[in-house]
Structure formats: structure tokens, C-alpha cells
């Protein structure tokens, strides 16, 4: 995985360390052209070293405290160790909120890290000091909705980087049963087709299904040098233990698994039915 950028210097940033794959709607081949949502930068954010997005679940309410999604490896306190899960950690991190044309419209601030891990997946979710309604009223920006269904191979996607103010367009090529990189292992990661050549600083970018406009994954890693299972060179491991290295192919972690773990008031509850995120 690529390490976060330091200032404007690319210090081996994760291009998108891969975790659980995201399922998007399957392509139709009926001859009728599939409807495509206009995907822009509205609701994306830039962190000091990574990308991210203002997100909500299908059941989030306007007066709930808003949430920001990025990668676990983008956490300001450093990479969580394998097996480590962080919950309710105070944070005052700031985020640059972008509009559709990638212009900064304001600064958002966290009150805490609601959840962060690099085990099974690679995510950090921050709780903010403003509600969705307050952000909508002040900046005219709404949150991106997390799809609550597993992604589908073949889905047309865009990876939208708030850090670089750049988008990448490709398709979901398939899913890695296990994606191993250094000390970390991620489950059911999304594999992109080769057109998405994400770079350092795109870590934490939302992966958006162009048919629904919903977030199906979070960009996190890629194999940079063709090495096997080392940092910045993830390898795929199948159910039988066979290892496959895909040079210059990039990955993301599925986000539908986050939805069952968030309850009333946008609070994480890892004991909710259907929640499979690792516990502390």
C-alpha cells in the first residue's frame, strides 16, 4: 500500500491499499445504454496526506453528526498494527470540503475517530462537529451515500481523489479473496481494471458506481514494483493458498460492510446484527 503523502511530497503513499471489494450494479447488455450518473467532486474531501469523502448510510438522518471516510493507513496517528482496531479516539483533524468543480468551499473538523483499522479492511471513519443539515445549509453540499449491497464485477466506477482533484475511470475487474501486503491482510478486496492507475495521495478516495452515484468501495493500494506481498506490492491469495501478483493493478476495500455497523445517531455499534467489522 502506498504511504500517506507528507505535505506535497510523495512519500510512498498508498495508491489505494486494497481491502474488501465493493459490489456495484452489473452491466446490462441489452443494447440499451445504461444510465450514467454525473459523478463529480461534490462531497469529496482532501486530507493533509490522503483523500476522503463525506458519507452517510441509507438510514442516516439530517441532524446526525456527519461522517468522513478515508483509509486506515491515512490515520493521523500512523498505521494501525495488524489486529488493531481503534474506536472513539479523540481527533481534531481538519478536511477541505470540495464542490462539484473541485473548488474548496469550507473546512470541516473531526471530534473523534469513530472507527479505524487495517485488519480485514482499510478504513478510518471520523465523526464531525457538524450535522449533515448544517453542512448542507452552510456549504450547499450533501453527503455521498454508501451502497448497502456487495459490489458486482463489471460495474463502471470512478475513483474521485479530493487530494489531487482528479478522477480515474474504469470497471470492477473482480475480487481478491485475500489481499496481503506486508503485515496486513484484507478480505474480499475490489480489483480494478488496468485503466485506474491511481497514485499516492488517492488513498481514501471514494469509489463511486457511475450508475447509482453511490459509494461501493474506498481506494487503498496497488502493486507498484511487481514484488510479492511486500509493502506497496500487495498479492492476491485464493481459497487454496495460491498467490497471484498483478503488477500495476490497483485495489479498493468494499464499504457495504460499514453500513450494518452504524446505528441511531450515526454511532458505531459493532454488536449490531450483520456487523462483521473487526472488534477491538
C-alpha atoms as a PDB file:
ATOM      1  CA  UNK A   1       0.000   0.000   0.000  1.00  0.00           C
ATOM      2  CA  UNK A   2       1.166   3.489  -0.546  1.00  0.00           C
ATOM      3  CA  UNK A   3       2.042   5.524   2.483  1.00  0.00           C
ATOM      4  CA  UNK A   4       0.361   8.883   3.072  1.00  0.00           C
ATOM      5  CA  UNK A   5       1.871  11.950   1.474  1.00  0.00           C
ATOM      6  CA  UNK A   6       3.755  14.336   3.713  1.00  0.00           C
ATOM      7  CA  UNK A   7       2.804  17.879   2.718  1.00  0.00           C
ATOM      8  CA  UNK A   8       3.228  17.965  -1.038  1.00  0.00           C
ATOM      9  CA  UNK A   9       5.968  15.328  -1.047  1.00  0.00           C
ATOM     10  CA  UNK A  10       5.002  11.873  -2.249  1.00  0.00           C
ATOM     11  CA  UNK A  11       6.489   9.690   0.494  1.00  0.00           C
ATOM     12  CA  UNK A  12       5.467   6.266  -0.752  1.00  0.00           C
ATOM     13  CA  UNK A  13       1.777   6.955  -0.391  1.00  0.00           C
ATOM     14  CA  UNK A  14      -0.679   4.107  -0.689  1.00  0.00           C
ATOM     15  CA  UNK A  15      -2.205   4.323  -4.122  1.00  0.00           C
ATOM     16  CA  UNK A  16      -5.145   2.616  -2.671  1.00  0.00           C
ATOM     17  CA  UNK A  17      -4.362  -0.218  -0.309  1.00  0.00           C
ATOM     18  CA  UNK A  18      -6.924  -2.875  -1.072  1.00  0.00           C
ATOM     19  CA  UNK A  19      -9.445  -4.246   1.329  1.00  0.00           C
ATOM     20  CA  UNK A  20     -12.887  -5.693   0.899  1.00  0.00           C
ATOM     21  CA  UNK A  21     -14.299  -5.397  -2.638  1.00  0.00           C
ATOM     22  CA  UNK A  22     -17.307  -3.263  -3.361  1.00  0.00           C
ATOM     23  CA  UNK A  23     -20.256  -4.562  -5.308  1.00  0.00           C
ATOM     24  CA  UNK A  24     -21.800  -2.336  -7.915  1.00  0.00           C
ATOM     25  CA  UNK A  25     -24.745  -2.916 -10.193  1.00  0.00           C
ATOM     26  CA  UNK A  26     -23.966  -5.370 -13.008  1.00  0.00           C
ATOM     27  CA  UNK A  27     -23.656  -4.151 -16.553  1.00  0.00           C
ATOM     28  CA  UNK A  28     -26.576  -4.724 -18.824  1.00  0.00           C
ATOM     29  CA  UNK A  29     -26.017  -5.959 -22.349  1.00  0.00           C
ATOM     30  CA  UNK A  30     -29.489  -5.438 -23.741  1.00  0.00           C
ATOM     31  CA  UNK A  31     -28.276  -2.871 -26.233  1.00  0.00           C
ATOM     32  CA  UNK A  32     -29.959  -0.059 -24.318  1.00  0.00           C
ATOM     33  CA  UNK A  33     -27.392   2.332 -22.954  1.00  0.00           C
ATOM     34  CA  UNK A  34     -27.172   2.177 -19.160  1.00  0.00           C
ATOM     35  CA  UNK A  35     -27.992   5.386 -17.321  1.00  0.00           C
ATOM     36  CA  UNK A  36     -24.851   7.066 -16.020  1.00  0.00           C
ATOM     37  CA  UNK A  37     -24.893   9.472 -13.087  1.00  0.00           C
ATOM     38  CA  UNK A  38     -22.814  12.604 -13.369  1.00  0.00           C
ATOM     39  CA  UNK A  39     -20.017  11.903 -10.881  1.00  0.00           C
ATOM     40  CA  UNK A  40     -18.110  14.990  -9.753  1.00  0.00           C
ATOM     41  CA  UNK A  41     -16.147  16.160  -6.703  1.00  0.00           C
ATOM     42  CA  UNK A  42     -19.098  17.309  -4.587  1.00  0.00           C
ATOM     43  CA  UNK A  43     -18.832  15.722  -1.146  1.00  0.00           C
ATOM     44  CA  UNK A  44     -15.213  14.648  -1.516  1.00  0.00           C
ATOM     45  CA  UNK A  45     -12.557  15.979   0.847  1.00  0.00           C
ATOM     46  CA  UNK A  46      -8.811  16.491   0.909  1.00  0.00           C
ATOM     47  CA  UNK A  47      -6.859  15.408   3.979  1.00  0.00           C
ATOM     48  CA  UNK A  48      -3.299  16.520   4.747  1.00  0.00           C
ATOM     49  CA  UNK A  49      -1.939  13.316   3.206  1.00  0.00           C
ATOM     50  CA  UNK A  50      -4.846  11.467   1.567  1.00  0.00           C
ATOM     51  CA  UNK A  51      -8.283  11.723   0.006  1.00  0.00           C
ATOM     52  CA  UNK A  52     -11.694  11.063   1.547  1.00  0.00           C
ATOM     53  CA  UNK A  53     -15.410  11.705   1.353  1.00  0.00           C
ATOM     54  CA  UNK A  54     -18.358  12.992   3.355  1.00  0.00           C
ATOM     55  CA  UNK A  55     -20.534   9.876   3.694  1.00  0.00           C
ATOM     56  CA  UNK A  56     -23.866   8.741   5.049  1.00  0.00           C
ATOM     57  CA  UNK A  57     -25.629   5.395   5.364  1.00  0.00           C
ATOM     58  CA  UNK A  58     -29.084   4.874   3.820  1.00  0.00           C
ATOM     59  CA  UNK A  59     -30.594   5.459   7.288  1.00  0.00           C
ATOM     60  CA  UNK A  60     -28.542   8.489   8.368  1.00  0.00           C
ATOM     61  CA  UNK A  61     -30.665  11.499   9.355  1.00  0.00           C
ATOM     62  CA  UNK A  62     -30.129  15.209   8.555  1.00  0.00           C
ATOM     63  CA  UNK A  63     -29.422  16.078  12.189  1.00  0.00           C
ATOM     64  CA  UNK A  64     -26.943  13.245  12.758  1.00  0.00           C
ATOM     65  CA  UNK A  65     -23.284  14.228  13.166  1.00  0.00           C
ATOM     66  CA  UNK A  66     -21.702  13.886   9.735  1.00  0.00           C
ATOM     67  CA  UNK A  67     -19.045  11.275   8.919  1.00  0.00           C
ATOM     68  CA  UNK A  68     -15.862  11.322   6.826  1.00  0.00           C
ATOM     69  CA  UNK A  69     -14.460   8.121   5.281  1.00  0.00           C
ATOM     70  CA  UNK A  70     -10.805   7.547   4.390  1.00  0.00           C
ATOM     71  CA  UNK A  71      -8.264   4.728   4.788  1.00  0.00           C
ATOM     72  CA  UNK A  72      -6.944   3.180   7.978  1.00  0.00           C
ATOM     73  CA  UNK A  73      -3.439   3.882   6.732  1.00  0.00           C
ATOM     74  CA  UNK A  74      -4.318   7.587   6.433  1.00  0.00           C
ATOM     75  CA  UNK A  75      -4.908   7.879  10.192  1.00  0.00           C
ATOM     76  CA  UNK A  76      -3.030  10.865  11.632  1.00  0.00           C
ATOM     77  CA  UNK A  77      -1.532   8.751  14.431  1.00  0.00           C
ATOM     78  CA  UNK A  78       0.057   6.278  11.991  1.00  0.00           C
ATOM     79  CA  UNK A  79      -0.750   2.881  10.520  1.00  0.00           C
ATOM     80  CA  UNK A  80      -2.815   0.671  12.837  1.00  0.00           C
ATOM     81  CA  UNK A  81      -0.965  -2.573  13.515  1.00  0.00           C
ATOM     82  CA  UNK A  82      -2.274  -5.877  12.171  1.00  0.00           C
ATOM     83  CA  UNK A  83      -5.079  -6.915  14.511  1.00  0.00           C
ATOM     84  CA  UNK A  84      -5.524  -3.390  15.931  1.00  0.00           C
ATOM     85  CA  UNK A  85      -8.949  -1.722  15.992  1.00  0.00           C
ATOM     86  CA  UNK A  86      -9.401   1.889  17.139  1.00  0.00           C
ATOM     87  CA  UNK A  87     -12.759   3.247  18.324  1.00  0.00           C
ATOM     88  CA  UNK A  88     -13.872   6.597  19.777  1.00  0.00           C
ATOM     89  CA  UNK A  89     -10.410   8.164  19.703  1.00  0.00           C
ATOM     90  CA  UNK A  90     -10.494  11.980  20.105  1.00  0.00           C
ATOM     91  CA  UNK A  91      -9.441  13.855  16.962  1.00  0.00           C
ATOM     92  CA  UNK A  92      -9.445  17.452  15.759  1.00  0.00           C
ATOM     93  CA  UNK A  93      -8.379  16.631  12.215  1.00  0.00           C
ATOM     94  CA  UNK A  94      -9.494  19.072   9.509  1.00  0.00           C
ATOM     95  CA  UNK A  95     -10.741  18.319   5.994  1.00  0.00           C
ATOM     96  CA  UNK A  96     -11.085  20.550   2.927  1.00  0.00           C
ATOM     97  CA  UNK A  97     -14.614  20.120   1.551  1.00  0.00           C
ATOM     98  CA  UNK A  98     -14.928  20.313  -2.230  1.00  0.00           C
ATOM     99  CA  UNK A  99     -17.810  21.228  -4.522  1.00  0.00           C
ATOM    100  CA  UNK A 100     -18.600  19.647  -7.874  1.00  0.00           C
ATOM    101  CA  UNK A 101     -15.879  21.540  -9.715  1.00  0.00           C
ATOM    102  CA  UNK A 102     -13.225  20.596  -7.105  1.00  0.00           C
ATOM    103  CA  UNK A 103     -13.100  24.055  -5.523  1.00  0.00           C
ATOM    104  CA  UNK A 104     -12.702  24.206  -1.746  1.00  0.00           C
ATOM    105  CA  UNK A 105     -15.875  25.572  -0.166  1.00  0.00           C
ATOM    106  CA  UNK A 106     -15.020  25.153   3.509  1.00  0.00           C
ATOM    107  CA  UNK A 107     -13.153  23.311   6.230  1.00  0.00           C
ATOM    108  CA  UNK A 108     -14.727  20.506   8.230  1.00  0.00           C
ATOM    109  CA  UNK A 109     -13.377  19.311  11.571  1.00  0.00           C
ATOM    110  CA  UNK A 110     -13.500  15.998  13.369  1.00  0.00           C
ATOM    111  CA  UNK A 111     -14.375  15.444  17.010  1.00  0.00           C
ATOM    112  CA  UNK A 112     -13.223  11.819  17.041  1.00  0.00           C
ATOM    113  CA  UNK A 113     -12.140   8.769  15.107  1.00  0.00           C
ATOM    114  CA  UNK A 114     -15.284   6.664  15.309  1.00  0.00           C
ATOM    115  CA  UNK A 115     -13.592   3.594  13.851  1.00  0.00           C
ATOM    116  CA  UNK A 116     -10.247   2.734  12.257  1.00  0.00           C
ATOM    117  CA  UNK A 117      -8.465  -0.469  11.314  1.00  0.00           C
ATOM    118  CA  UNK A 118      -6.191  -2.075   8.743  1.00  0.00           C
ATOM    119  CA  UNK A 119      -7.363  -5.572   9.650  1.00  0.00           C
ATOM    120  CA  UNK A 120      -9.693  -7.309   7.137  1.00  0.00           C
ATOM    121  CA  UNK A 121     -10.261  -3.875   5.582  1.00  0.00           C
ATOM    122  CA  UNK A 122      -8.502  -0.493   5.451  1.00  0.00           C
ATOM    123  CA  UNK A 123     -10.800   2.242   6.753  1.00  0.00           C
ATOM    124  CA  UNK A 124     -10.979   5.239   9.044  1.00  0.00           C
ATOM    125  CA  UNK A 125     -14.340   6.881   9.785  1.00  0.00           C
ATOM    126  CA  UNK A 126     -14.311  10.291  11.506  1.00  0.00           C
ATOM    127  CA  UNK A 127     -17.266  11.920  13.273  1.00  0.00           C
ATOM    128  CA  UNK A 128     -17.538  15.672  12.670  1.00  0.00           C
ATOM    129  CA  UNK A 129     -18.654  18.601  14.816  1.00  0.00           C
ATOM    130  CA  UNK A 130     -21.388  19.493  12.297  1.00  0.00           C
ATOM    131  CA  UNK A 131     -24.512  17.691  11.154  1.00  0.00           C
ATOM    132  CA  UNK A 132     -25.407  16.932   7.546  1.00  0.00           C
ATOM    133  CA  UNK A 133     -28.093  19.627   7.721  1.00  0.00           C
ATOM    134  CA  UNK A 134     -25.583  22.221   8.931  1.00  0.00           C
ATOM    135  CA  UNK A 135     -23.113  21.322   6.171  1.00  0.00           C
ATOM    136  CA  UNK A 136     -25.866  21.437   3.541  1.00  0.00           C
ATOM    137  CA  UNK A 137     -27.083  24.812   4.812  1.00  0.00           C
ATOM    138  CA  UNK A 138     -23.625  26.377   5.100  1.00  0.00           C
ATOM    139  CA  UNK A 139     -21.918  24.944   2.002  1.00  0.00           C
ATOM    140  CA  UNK A 140     -24.691  23.539  -0.178  1.00  0.00           C
ATOM    141  CA  UNK A 141     -23.003  20.116  -0.190  1.00  0.00           C
ATOM    142  CA  UNK A 142     -24.700  16.802   0.562  1.00  0.00           C
ATOM    143  CA  UNK A 143     -23.065  13.566   1.655  1.00  0.00           C
ATOM    144  CA  UNK A 144     -22.364  10.590  -0.606  1.00  0.00           C
ATOM    145  CA  UNK A 145     -24.432   7.507   0.263  1.00  0.00           C
ATOM    146  CA  UNK A 146     -22.803   4.163   0.982  1.00  0.00           C
ATOM    147  CA  UNK A 147     -24.301   1.334  -1.079  1.00  0.00           C
ATOM    148  CA  UNK A 148     -25.542  -1.360   1.309  1.00  0.00           C
ATOM    149  CA  UNK A 149     -25.062  -4.182  -1.227  1.00  0.00           C
ATOM    150  CA  UNK A 150     -21.903  -6.051  -2.274  1.00  0.00           C
ATOM    151  CA  UNK A 151     -20.344  -4.660  -5.457  1.00  0.00           C
ATOM    152  CA  UNK A 152     -20.646  -6.522  -8.761  1.00  0.00           C
ATOM    153  CA  UNK A 153     -17.868  -7.398 -11.204  1.00  0.00           C
ATOM    154  CA  UNK A 154     -18.063  -5.380 -14.420  1.00  0.00           C
ATOM    155  CA  UNK A 155     -19.531  -2.297 -12.768  1.00  0.00           C
ATOM    156  CA  UNK A 156     -18.435   1.046 -14.201  1.00  0.00           C
ATOM    157  CA  UNK A 157     -16.742   3.103 -11.472  1.00  0.00           C
ATOM    158  CA  UNK A 158     -14.950   6.364 -10.834  1.00  0.00           C
ATOM    159  CA  UNK A 159     -12.263   6.860  -8.200  1.00  0.00           C
ATOM    160  CA  UNK A 160     -12.549  10.501  -7.105  1.00  0.00           C
ATOM    161  CA  UNK A 161      -9.488  11.979  -5.383  1.00  0.00           C
ATOM    162  CA  UNK A 162     -10.032  15.143  -3.358  1.00  0.00           C
ATOM    163  CA  UNK A 163      -6.299  15.398  -2.653  1.00  0.00           C
ATOM    164  CA  UNK A 164      -5.309  15.580  -6.311  1.00  0.00           C
ATOM    165  CA  UNK A 165      -8.667  16.890  -7.597  1.00  0.00           C
ATOM    166  CA  UNK A 166      -8.546  14.122 -10.177  1.00  0.00           C
ATOM    167  CA  UNK A 167     -10.793  11.249 -11.196  1.00  0.00           C
ATOM    168  CA  UNK A 168      -9.998   7.790 -12.571  1.00  0.00           C
ATOM    169  CA  UNK A 169     -12.500   5.815 -14.653  1.00  0.00           C
ATOM    170  CA  UNK A 170     -12.509   2.040 -15.056  1.00  0.00           C
ATOM    171  CA  UNK A 171     -14.518  -1.047 -14.092  1.00  0.00           C
ATOM    172  CA  UNK A 172     -14.533  -3.548 -11.270  1.00  0.00           C
ATOM    173  CA  UNK A 173     -12.470  -6.393 -12.692  1.00  0.00           C
ATOM    174  CA  UNK A 174     -13.261  -8.795  -9.858  1.00  0.00           C
ATOM    175  CA  UNK A 175     -12.479  -9.534  -6.232  1.00  0.00           C
ATOM    176  CA  UNK A 176      -9.447 -10.808  -4.346  1.00  0.00           C
ATOM    177  CA  UNK A 177     -10.370 -13.446  -1.755  1.00  0.00           C
ATOM    178  CA  UNK A 178      -7.477 -12.192   0.349  1.00  0.00           C
ATOM    179  CA  UNK A 179      -5.140  -9.316  -0.423  1.00  0.00           C
ATOM    180  CA  UNK A 180      -1.871  -9.446   1.516  1.00  0.00           C
ATOM    181  CA  UNK A 181       0.540  -6.540   1.857  1.00  0.00           C
ATOM    182  CA  UNK A 182       3.345  -6.622   4.388  1.00  0.00           C
ATOM    183  CA  UNK A 183       1.850  -7.310   7.828  1.00  0.00           C
ATOM    184  CA  UNK A 184      -1.727  -6.670   6.690  1.00  0.00           C
ATOM    185  CA  UNK A 185      -4.364  -8.883   5.102  1.00  0.00           C
ATOM    186  CA  UNK A 186      -7.650  -7.635   3.640  1.00  0.00           C
ATOM    187  CA  UNK A 187     -10.706  -9.694   2.791  1.00  0.00           C
ATOM    188  CA  UNK A 188     -12.738  -9.650  -0.434  1.00  0.00           C
ATOM    189  CA  UNK A 189     -10.968  -6.664  -1.954  1.00  0.00           C
ATOM    190  CA  UNK A 190     -12.102  -4.938  -5.137  1.00  0.00           C
ATOM    191  CA  UNK A 191      -9.724  -5.252  -8.081  1.00  0.00           C
ATOM    192  CA  UNK A 192      -9.827  -2.533 -10.759  1.00  0.00           C
ATOM    193  CA  UNK A 193      -9.329  -2.997 -14.452  1.00  0.00           C
ATOM    194  CA  UNK A 194      -5.989  -1.575 -15.607  1.00  0.00           C
ATOM    195  CA  UNK A 195      -7.410   1.823 -16.627  1.00  0.00           C
ATOM    196  CA  UNK A 196      -7.479   3.034 -12.995  1.00  0.00           C
ATOM    197  CA  UNK A 197      -3.807   3.851 -12.474  1.00  0.00           C
ATOM    198  CA  UNK A 198      -4.233   5.538  -9.106  1.00  0.00           C
ATOM    199  CA  UNK A 199      -1.234   7.199  -7.439  1.00  0.00           C
ATOM    200  CA  UNK A 200      -0.049   8.202  -3.988  1.00  0.00           C
ATOM    201  CA  UNK A 201      -2.462  10.652  -2.387  1.00  0.00           C
ATOM    202  CA  UNK A 202      -5.508   8.944  -3.870  1.00  0.00           C
ATOM    203  CA  UNK A 203      -5.682   6.689  -0.808  1.00  0.00           C
ATOM    204  CA  UNK A 204      -9.087   7.049   0.836  1.00  0.00           C
ATOM    205  CA  UNK A 205     -10.831   8.209  -2.346  1.00  0.00           C
ATOM    206  CA  UNK A 206     -14.451   7.079  -2.701  1.00  0.00           C
ATOM    207  CA  UNK A 207     -15.064   4.515  -5.429  1.00  0.00           C
ATOM    208  CA  UNK A 208     -18.384   5.517  -6.976  1.00  0.00           C
ATOM    209  CA  UNK A 209     -20.740   3.366  -9.049  1.00  0.00           C
ATOM    210  CA  UNK A 210     -21.494   5.541 -12.074  1.00  0.00           C
ATOM    211  CA  UNK A 211     -24.974   4.017 -12.470  1.00  0.00           C
ATOM    212  CA  UNK A 212     -26.180   4.797  -8.933  1.00  0.00           C
ATOM    213  CA  UNK A 213     -23.844   7.549  -7.720  1.00  0.00           C
ATOM    214  CA  UNK A 214     -23.299   5.547  -4.527  1.00  0.00           C
ATOM    215  CA  UNK A 215     -20.012   4.671  -2.843  1.00  0.00           C
ATOM    216  CA  UNK A 216     -19.144   0.992  -3.221  1.00  0.00           C
ATOM    217  CA  UNK A 217     -15.532   0.994  -2.001  1.00  0.00           C
ATOM    218  CA  UNK A 218     -12.637   3.065  -0.740  1.00  0.00           C
ATOM    219  CA  UNK A 219      -9.431   3.187  -2.807  1.00  0.00           C
ATOM    220  CA  UNK A 220      -6.387   1.910  -0.935  1.00  0.00           C
ATOM    221  CA  UNK A 221      -3.467   0.150  -2.665  1.00  0.00           C
ATOM    222  CA  UNK A 222      -1.762  -1.202  -5.751  1.00  0.00           C
ATOM    223  CA  UNK A 223       1.192  -3.306  -6.830  1.00  0.00           C
ATOM    224  CA  UNK A 224       3.903  -0.815  -7.771  1.00  0.00           C
ATOM    225  CA  UNK A 225       7.018  -2.876  -8.465  1.00  0.00           C
ATOM    226  CA  UNK A 226       5.838  -6.414  -9.234  1.00  0.00           C
ATOM    227  CA  UNK A 227       7.114  -7.725  -5.898  1.00  0.00           C
ATOM    228  CA  UNK A 228       5.230 -10.370  -3.922  1.00  0.00           C
ATOM    229  CA  UNK A 229       3.197  -9.479  -0.801  1.00  0.00           C
ATOM    230  CA  UNK A 230       5.500  -6.644   0.346  1.00  0.00           C
ATOM    231  CA  UNK A 231       4.550  -3.079   1.283  1.00  0.00           C
ATOM    232  CA  UNK A 232       3.357  -1.242  -1.843  1.00  0.00           C
ATOM    233  CA  UNK A 233       3.187  -4.605  -3.612  1.00  0.00           C
ATOM    234  CA  UNK A 234       0.077  -6.475  -2.493  1.00  0.00           C
ATOM    235  CA  UNK A 235      -0.515 -10.011  -3.690  1.00  0.00           C
ATOM    236  CA  UNK A 236      -3.760 -11.942  -4.061  1.00  0.00           C
ATOM    237  CA  UNK A 237      -4.222 -15.208  -2.159  1.00  0.00           C
ATOM    238  CA  UNK A 238      -7.085 -17.506  -3.168  1.00  0.00           C
ATOM    239  CA  UNK A 239      -9.049 -20.039  -1.091  1.00  0.00           C
ATOM    240  CA  UNK A 240      -6.412 -22.707  -1.778  1.00  0.00           C
ATOM    241  CA  UNK A 241      -3.475 -20.506  -0.803  1.00  0.00           C
ATOM    242  CA  UNK A 242      -2.338 -19.822  -4.367  1.00  0.00           C
ATOM    243  CA  UNK A 243      -0.566 -16.462  -4.632  1.00  0.00           C
ATOM    244  CA  UNK A 244      -1.000 -14.188  -7.664  1.00  0.00           C
ATOM    245  CA  UNK A 245       0.915 -10.954  -8.276  1.00  0.00           C
ATOM    246  CA  UNK A 246      -0.708  -8.407 -10.609  1.00  0.00           C
ATOM    247  CA  UNK A 247       1.851  -5.735 -11.467  1.00  0.00           C
ATOM    248  CA  UNK A 248       0.413  -2.198 -11.801  1.00  0.00           C
ATOM    249  CA  UNK A 249      -3.089  -3.325 -10.789  1.00  0.00           C
ATOM    250  CA  UNK A 250      -4.840  -1.342  -8.051  1.00  0.00           C
ATOM    251  CA  UNK A 251      -7.386  -2.206  -5.399  1.00  0.00           C
ATOM    252  CA  UNK A 252     -10.066  -0.897  -3.041  1.00  0.00           C
ATOM    253  CA  UNK A 253     -11.928  -2.077   0.051  1.00  0.00           C
ATOM    254  CA  UNK A 254     -15.658  -2.682  -0.016  1.00  0.00           C
ATOM    255  CA  UNK A 255     -17.780  -0.283   2.017  1.00  0.00           C
ATOM    256  CA  UNK A 256     -21.144  -2.059   2.198  1.00  0.00           C
ATOM    257  CA  UNK A 257     -19.771  -3.841   5.287  1.00  0.00           C
ATOM    258  CA  UNK A 258     -19.714  -0.500   7.154  1.00  0.00           C
ATOM    259  CA  UNK A 259     -23.483   0.061   6.886  1.00  0.00           C
ATOM    260  CA  UNK A 260     -24.742  -2.611   9.354  1.00  0.00           C
ATOM    261  CA  UNK A 261     -22.286  -1.350  11.998  1.00  0.00           C
ATOM    262  CA  UNK A 262     -23.730   2.181  12.195  1.00  0.00           C
ATOM    263  CA  UNK A 263     -26.884   2.694  14.243  1.00  0.00           C
ATOM    264  CA  UNK A 264     -29.007   5.544  15.575  1.00  0.00           C
ATOM    265  CA  UNK A 265     -27.258   8.906  15.603  1.00  0.00           C
ATOM    266  CA  UNK A 266     -24.547   7.642  13.224  1.00  0.00           C
ATOM    267  CA  UNK A 267     -22.871   5.830  16.127  1.00  0.00           C
ATOM    268  CA  UNK A 268     -20.801   2.715  15.538  1.00  0.00           C
ATOM    269  CA  UNK A 269     -22.135  -0.364  17.292  1.00  0.00           C
ATOM    270  CA  UNK A 270     -20.006  -3.398  16.436  1.00  0.00           C
ATOM    271  CA  UNK A 271     -22.574  -5.691  18.089  1.00  0.00           C
ATOM    272  CA  UNK A 272     -25.385  -4.775  15.707  1.00  0.00           C
ATOM    273  CA  UNK A 273     -26.881  -7.636  13.654  1.00  0.00           C
ATOM    274  CA  UNK A 274     -24.964  -8.112  10.399  1.00  0.00           C
ATOM    275  CA  UNK A 275     -21.890  -6.156  11.533  1.00  0.00           C
ATOM    276  CA  UNK A 276     -18.745  -8.075  10.585  1.00  0.00           C
ATOM    277  CA  UNK A 277     -16.100  -5.370  11.108  1.00  0.00           C
ATOM    278  CA  UNK A 278     -13.279  -6.445  13.420  1.00  0.00           C
ATOM    279  CA  UNK A 279     -13.719  -5.550  17.089  1.00  0.00           C
ATOM    280  CA  UNK A 280     -11.065  -4.150  19.466  1.00  0.00           C
END
